[in-house]
Amino acid sequence: MQSAANGKLAQRIHFNFGFERRLCPGAYLADVKLFNTFVQVFAICKMSEFPKESILTSQAQERMLV
C-alpha cells in the first residue's frame, strides 16, 4: 500500500482508502495487519510433498476435512 500511495495516481488500481493527500491512515494499518495475518497462517502450515497414496474417504467422519 505504501508504494501505491507514493506512486502515480494513474497507476493505482484501488481507491478504497482515498488518494493523494487524502489517503486514510488506516490504509497502512490494514496493509500491516494483512501481512501479519498471512505470515501467521503460513507459519503454522506444514508444507509437504503431495501424498502418493490416495486418501480413503470411507474412513472420513462427519464434519471432517479431507
C-alpha atoms as a PDB file:
ATOM      1  CA  MET A   1       0.000   0.000   0.000  1.00  0.00           C
ATOM      2  CA  GLN A   2       2.788   2.371   0.840  1.00  0.00           C
ATOM      3  CA  SER A   3       4.313   2.051  -2.610  1.00  0.00           C
ATOM      4  CA  ALA A   4       0.877   2.516  -4.169  1.00  0.00           C
ATOM      5  CA  ALA A   5       0.266   5.585  -2.038  1.00  0.00           C
ATOM      6  CA  ASN A   6       3.518   7.157  -3.184  1.00  0.00           C
ATOM      7  CA  GLY A   7       3.105   6.147  -6.824  1.00  0.00           C
ATOM      8  CA  LYS A   8       1.375   7.945  -9.649  1.00  0.00           C
ATOM      9  CA  LEU A   9      -2.395   8.245  -9.433  1.00  0.00           C
ATOM     10  CA  ALA A  10      -2.891   6.756 -12.909  1.00  0.00           C
ATOM     11  CA  GLN A  11      -1.007   3.594 -11.894  1.00  0.00           C
ATOM     12  CA  ARG A  12      -3.078   2.891  -8.786  1.00  0.00           C
ATOM     13  CA  ILE A  13      -5.656   0.155  -9.073  1.00  0.00           C
ATOM     14  CA  HIS A  14      -7.536   0.767  -5.824  1.00  0.00           C
ATOM     15  CA  PHE A  15      -9.076   3.822  -4.225  1.00  0.00           C
ATOM     16  CA  ASN A  16     -10.680   2.246  -1.141  1.00  0.00           C
ATOM     17  CA  PHE A  17      -8.609   4.347   1.235  1.00  0.00           C
ATOM     18  CA  GLY A  18      -8.660   7.586  -0.745  1.00  0.00           C
ATOM     19  CA  PHE A  19      -5.850   9.029  -2.807  1.00  0.00           C
ATOM     20  CA  GLU A  20      -3.041  11.599  -2.801  1.00  0.00           C
ATOM     21  CA  ARG A  21      -3.018  13.817   0.300  1.00  0.00           C
ATOM     22  CA  ARG A  22      -6.389  12.495   1.457  1.00  0.00           C
ATOM     23  CA  LEU A  23      -5.093   8.953   1.929  1.00  0.00           C
ATOM     24  CA  CYS A  24      -6.597   7.337   5.020  1.00  0.00           C
ATOM     25  CA  PRO A  25      -4.059   6.482   7.739  1.00  0.00           C
ATOM     26  CA  GLY A  26      -5.939   3.203   8.164  1.00  0.00           C
ATOM     27  CA  ALA A  27      -4.537   2.078   4.814  1.00  0.00           C
ATOM     28  CA  TYR A  28      -1.145   1.467   6.408  1.00  0.00           C
ATOM     29  CA  LEU A  29      -2.705  -0.343   9.365  1.00  0.00           C
ATOM     30  CA  ALA A  30      -4.742  -2.568   7.046  1.00  0.00           C
ATOM     31  CA  ASP A  31      -1.651  -3.351   4.979  1.00  0.00           C
ATOM     32  CA  VAL A  32       0.382  -4.339   8.040  1.00  0.00           C
ATOM     33  CA  LYS A  33      -2.456  -6.408   9.527  1.00  0.00           C
ATOM     34  CA  LEU A  34      -2.962  -8.328   6.273  1.00  0.00           C
ATOM     35  CA  PHE A  35       0.754  -9.032   6.050  1.00  0.00           C
ATOM     36  CA  ASN A  36       0.858 -10.234   9.667  1.00  0.00           C
ATOM     37  CA  THR A  37      -2.191 -12.438   9.138  1.00  0.00           C
ATOM     38  CA  PHE A  38      -0.641 -14.170   6.131  1.00  0.00           C
ATOM     39  CA  VAL A  39       2.665 -14.622   7.959  1.00  0.00           C
ATOM     40  CA  GLN A  40       0.878 -16.258  10.902  1.00  0.00           C
ATOM     41  CA  VAL A  41      -1.153 -18.536   8.640  1.00  0.00           C
ATOM     42  CA  PHE A  42       1.879 -19.676   6.673  1.00  0.00           C
ATOM     43  CA  ALA A  43       3.896 -20.137   9.881  1.00  0.00           C
ATOM     44  CA  ILE A  44       1.545 -22.868  11.092  1.00  0.00           C
ATOM     45  CA  CYS A  45       1.064 -24.538   7.711  1.00  0.00           C
ATOM     46  CA  LYS A  46       3.008 -27.698   7.052  1.00  0.00           C
ATOM     47  CA  MET A  47       4.419 -27.686   3.548  1.00  0.00           C
ATOM     48  CA  SER A  48       5.000 -31.208   2.328  1.00  0.00           C
ATOM     49  CA  GLU A  49       5.042 -33.300  -0.786  1.00  0.00           C
ATOM     50  CA  PHE A  50       1.711 -34.441  -2.216  1.00  0.00           C
ATOM     51  CA  PRO A  51       0.905 -37.922  -0.840  1.00  0.00           C
ATOM     52  CA  LYS A  52       1.460 -40.721  -3.312  1.00  0.00           C
ATOM     53  CA  GLU A  53      -1.244 -42.953  -1.845  1.00  0.00           C
ATOM     54  CA  SER A  54      -4.861 -41.996  -2.260  1.00  0.00           C
ATOM     55  CA  ILE A  55      -6.958 -40.722   0.619  1.00  0.00           C
ATOM     56  CA  LEU A  56      -9.632 -43.156   1.782  1.00  0.00           C
ATOM     57  CA  THR A  57     -12.882 -41.259   2.089  1.00  0.00           C
ATOM     58  CA  SER A  58     -14.598 -44.282   3.674  1.00  0.00           C
ATOM     59  CA  GLN A  59     -12.652 -43.608   6.883  1.00  0.00           C
ATOM     60  CA  ALA A  60     -13.704 -39.977   6.990  1.00  0.00           C
ATOM     61  CA  GLN A  61     -16.102 -38.936   9.707  1.00  0.00           C
ATOM     62  CA  GLU A  62     -18.868 -36.378   9.553  1.00  0.00           C
ATOM     63  CA  ARG A  63     -17.540 -32.792   9.685  1.00  0.00           C
ATOM     64  CA  MET A  64     -14.008 -33.927   8.961  1.00  0.00           C
ATOM     65  CA  LEU A  65     -11.872 -32.177   6.379  1.00  0.00           C
ATOM     66  CA  VAL A  66     -10.499 -34.499   3.736  1.00  0.00           C
END
